[in-house]
């Protein structure tokens, strides 16, 4: 296999504002659509598009794939972490003590009925291993901040508790280089687009 690339694109702003949103399937806001179009306006060379099945990812991914004449595939492995009882809640709607415990130990503290961090990480990395074994030369994956953090942390060999220190703004882009063994995957860039268009 020749050297390959994977571009990661976080979804844009979502209708309803900032909330704990994993399984909750809210669509992009009008600004979110503009952010995504701006984020992809200067990039070319993709040979396929992959996406989380969530509306905030896959609806834009379909539009982009149609415009570029590329195949698209939604993959469950790359959906966001499920937040259980916190789904759809804003920060100020969560009891202060519980929120403090989560921020203090985001790996070890699991919100009620939520997917554990361990299960979330394992799911994403299973998807990553499958993707790395595929021969496609340059894929775009439209996904979520949590998924991108997991992948970046894996590539950079970051500790689990450093995972949340890696910021992933709306419509930010990250590129990974996937060389043939024995060379290791590397981070090429991680950048944001302007927050307003």
Protein backbone atom coordinates (compact mmCIF):
# COMPACT_ATOMS: atom_id res chain seq x y z
CA UNK A 1 0.00 0.00 0.00
CA UNK A 2 1.20 3.55 -0.75
CA UNK A 3 1.22 6.31 1.85
CA UNK A 4 -2.33 7.33 2.74
CA UNK A 5 -4.05 10.27 4.45
CA UNK A 6 -7.11 10.65 6.65
CA UNK A 7 -8.69 14.08 7.12
CA UNK A 8 -10.90 14.54 10.18
CA UNK A 9 -13.57 17.24 10.16
CA UNK A 10 -15.63 18.10 13.21
CA UNK A 11 -19.24 19.10 12.57
CA UNK A 12 -20.18 22.77 12.76
CA UNK A 13 -22.43 24.58 15.23
CA UNK A 14 -25.60 22.63 16.05
CA UNK A 15 -29.18 23.84 16.51
CA UNK A 16 -30.00 24.31 20.17
CA UNK A 17 -26.60 25.65 21.21
CA UNK A 18 -23.92 24.06 23.37
CA UNK A 19 -25.19 20.96 25.15
CA UNK A 20 -24.11 17.45 26.07
CA UNK A 21 -25.01 15.86 22.78
CA UNK A 22 -23.96 12.32 21.96
CA UNK A 23 -26.94 10.23 20.89
CA UNK A 24 -29.20 13.28 20.61
CA UNK A 25 -29.55 13.82 16.89
CA UNK A 26 -29.88 17.57 16.38
CA UNK A 27 -29.05 19.02 12.95
CA UNK A 28 -26.55 21.72 12.08
CA UNK A 29 -27.58 25.34 12.53
CA UNK A 30 -27.40 27.68 9.49
CA UNK A 31 -24.06 28.93 10.85
CA UNK A 32 -22.92 25.31 11.21
CA UNK A 33 -23.61 24.68 7.52
CA UNK A 34 -21.62 27.79 6.58
CA UNK A 35 -18.73 26.74 8.83
CA UNK A 36 -18.58 23.32 7.19
CA UNK A 37 -18.69 24.71 3.66
CA UNK A 38 -15.92 27.16 4.50
CA UNK A 39 -13.83 24.44 6.15
CA UNK A 40 -13.91 22.29 2.99
CA UNK A 41 -13.78 25.02 0.32
CA UNK A 42 -9.98 24.92 -0.13
CA UNK A 43 -9.32 21.19 0.20
CA UNK A 44 -9.33 18.67 -2.62
CA UNK A 45 -7.96 15.23 -3.32
CA UNK A 46 -10.34 13.09 -1.28
CA UNK A 47 -11.21 9.75 -2.78
CA UNK A 48 -14.12 8.91 -0.45
CA UNK A 49 -16.09 10.40 2.43
CA UNK A 50 -16.88 8.64 5.69
CA UNK A 51 -19.17 10.00 8.39
CA UNK A 52 -20.71 9.51 11.77
CA UNK A 53 -24.37 8.58 11.26
CA UNK A 54 -25.50 11.61 13.29
CA UNK A 55 -27.41 14.26 11.32
CA UNK A 56 -24.96 17.02 12.26
CA UNK A 57 -22.29 15.07 10.39
CA UNK A 58 -23.89 12.90 7.72
CA UNK A 59 -26.20 15.53 6.19
CA UNK A 60 -23.24 17.75 5.31
CA UNK A 61 -21.13 14.74 4.32
CA UNK A 62 -23.83 13.70 1.81
CA UNK A 63 -23.99 17.20 0.33
CA UNK A 64 -20.21 17.29 -0.04
CA UNK A 65 -20.02 13.78 -1.51
CA UNK A 66 -22.76 14.58 -4.03
CA UNK A 67 -20.99 17.79 -5.05
CA UNK A 68 -17.66 16.03 -5.53
CA UNK A 69 -19.07 12.83 -7.03
CA UNK A 70 -17.54 10.69 -4.28
CA UNK A 71 -18.81 7.61 -2.45
CA UNK A 72 -20.02 8.11 1.12
CA UNK A 73 -20.41 5.68 3.99
CA UNK A 74 -21.74 6.26 7.52
CA UNK A 75 -19.92 4.27 10.21
CA UNK A 76 -21.34 3.65 13.68
CA UNK A 77 -17.87 3.39 15.22
CA UNK A 78 -17.35 7.12 14.72
CA UNK A 79 -20.46 8.45 16.47
CA UNK A 80 -20.03 10.62 19.57
CA UNK A 81 -19.96 9.27 23.12
CA UNK A 82 -23.44 8.74 24.54
CA UNK A 83 -24.09 10.94 27.59
CA UNK A 84 -27.07 9.06 29.04
CA UNK A 85 -29.15 11.19 31.43
CA UNK A 86 -27.17 14.29 30.42
CA UNK A 87 -28.20 14.08 26.76
CA UNK A 88 -29.49 17.46 25.57
CA UNK A 89 -28.64 19.28 28.78
CA UNK A 90 -26.69 22.53 28.94
CA UNK A 91 -23.94 22.84 31.53
CA UNK A 92 -26.13 24.96 33.84
CA UNK A 93 -28.80 22.24 33.87
CA UNK A 94 -26.51 19.64 35.45
CA UNK A 95 -26.03 19.51 39.24
CA UNK A 96 -22.85 21.44 40.09
CA UNK A 97 -21.29 18.61 42.11
CA UNK A 98 -21.79 16.04 39.34
CA UNK A 99 -20.41 18.43 36.73
CA UNK A 100 -17.38 19.12 38.95
CA UNK A 101 -16.74 15.38 39.31
CA UNK A 102 -16.92 14.95 35.53
CA UNK A 103 -14.48 17.80 34.77
CA UNK A 104 -12.14 16.64 37.54
CA UNK A 105 -12.03 13.06 36.20
CA UNK A 106 -13.56 12.88 32.70
CA UNK A 107 -12.07 9.44 32.11
CA UNK A 108 -13.18 7.85 35.37
CA UNK A 109 -16.51 9.62 36.00
CA UNK A 110 -19.45 8.39 33.93
CA UNK A 111 -22.70 10.40 33.83
CA UNK A 112 -25.81 8.37 34.75
CA UNK A 113 -26.66 5.78 32.07
CA UNK A 114 -23.89 7.12 29.81
CA UNK A 115 -21.38 5.21 27.71
CA UNK A 116 -18.19 4.78 29.71
CA UNK A 117 -15.05 6.45 28.43
CA UNK A 118 -13.42 3.03 28.17
CA UNK A 119 -16.22 1.68 25.96
CA UNK A 120 -16.25 4.86 23.84
CA UNK A 121 -12.49 4.73 23.28
CA UNK A 122 -12.58 1.01 22.43
CA UNK A 123 -15.37 1.54 19.89
CA UNK A 124 -13.56 4.39 18.14
CA UNK A 125 -10.24 2.53 18.08
CA UNK A 126 -11.93 -0.56 16.62
CA UNK A 127 -13.18 1.68 13.82
CA UNK A 128 -9.71 3.20 13.44
CA UNK A 129 -8.05 -0.21 13.08
CA UNK A 130 -10.55 -1.20 10.40
CA UNK A 131 -10.06 2.07 8.54
CA UNK A 132 -6.25 1.77 8.61
CA UNK A 133 -6.44 -1.64 6.95
CA UNK A 134 -8.34 -0.24 3.95
CA UNK A 135 -6.39 0.83 0.85
CA UNK A 136 -8.18 4.11 0.11
CA UNK A 137 -5.52 6.82 -0.45
CA UNK A 138 -7.23 9.90 1.02
CA UNK A 139 -10.41 9.67 3.08
CA UNK A 140 -12.37 12.43 4.77
CA UNK A 141 -14.14 11.50 8.03
CA UNK A 142 -16.86 13.91 9.20
CA UNK A 143 -17.27 13.28 12.90
CA UNK A 144 -17.28 14.66 16.45
CA UNK A 145 -14.91 16.36 18.85
CA UNK A 146 -14.68 13.33 21.12
CA UNK A 147 -13.83 10.99 18.25
CA UNK A 148 -11.14 13.33 16.92
CA UNK A 149 -9.62 13.63 20.41
CA UNK A 150 -9.49 9.84 20.72
CA UNK A 151 -7.75 9.46 17.35
CA UNK A 152 -5.30 12.31 17.93
CA UNK A 153 -4.46 11.02 21.40
CA UNK A 154 -3.83 7.54 19.97
CA UNK A 155 -1.56 8.82 17.21
CA UNK A 156 0.38 11.14 19.55
CA UNK A 157 0.47 8.55 22.36
CA UNK A 158 -1.07 10.97 24.83
CA UNK A 159 -2.21 9.79 28.24
CA UNK A 160 -5.93 9.31 28.77
CA UNK A 161 -6.18 12.28 31.15
CA UNK A 162 -4.56 14.55 28.51
CA UNK A 163 -7.35 13.68 26.06
CA UNK A 164 -9.56 16.60 27.17
CA UNK A 165 -6.72 19.14 26.84
CA UNK A 166 -6.81 18.74 23.05
CA UNK A 167 -9.29 21.36 21.78
CA UNK A 168 -11.40 20.58 18.73
CA UNK A 169 -13.51 23.60 17.70
CA UNK A 170 -16.51 23.37 15.40
CA UNK A 171 -15.54 22.70 11.77
CA UNK A 172 -11.86 22.23 12.67
CA UNK A 173 -9.73 20.08 10.40
CA UNK A 174 -7.10 17.51 11.31
CA UNK A 175 -4.95 15.49 8.92
CA UNK A 176 -3.26 12.18 9.70
CA UNK A 177 -0.59 10.57 7.52
CA UNK A 178 -0.83 6.75 7.44
CA UNK A 179 2.39 5.29 6.03
CA UNK A 180 3.16 1.66 5.38
CA UNK A 181 4.61 -0.31 8.32
CA UNK A 182 6.95 -0.07 10.11
CA UNK A 183 6.43 3.72 9.98
CA UNK A 184 3.95 5.20 12.43
CA UNK A 185 0.91 7.33 11.73
CA UNK A 186 1.63 11.04 12.27
CA UNK A 187 -0.29 14.28 12.75
CA UNK A 188 0.19 16.58 9.74
CA UNK A 189 -1.96 19.50 10.93
CA UNK A 190 -4.77 20.49 13.27
CA UNK A 191 -6.42 23.83 12.57
CA UNK A 192 -9.62 25.82 12.94
CA UNK A 193 -11.57 27.86 10.45
CA UNK A 194 -12.78 31.35 11.38
CA UNK A 195 -15.61 31.06 13.94
CA UNK A 196 -17.94 33.36 11.96
CA UNK A 197 -18.49 33.67 8.22
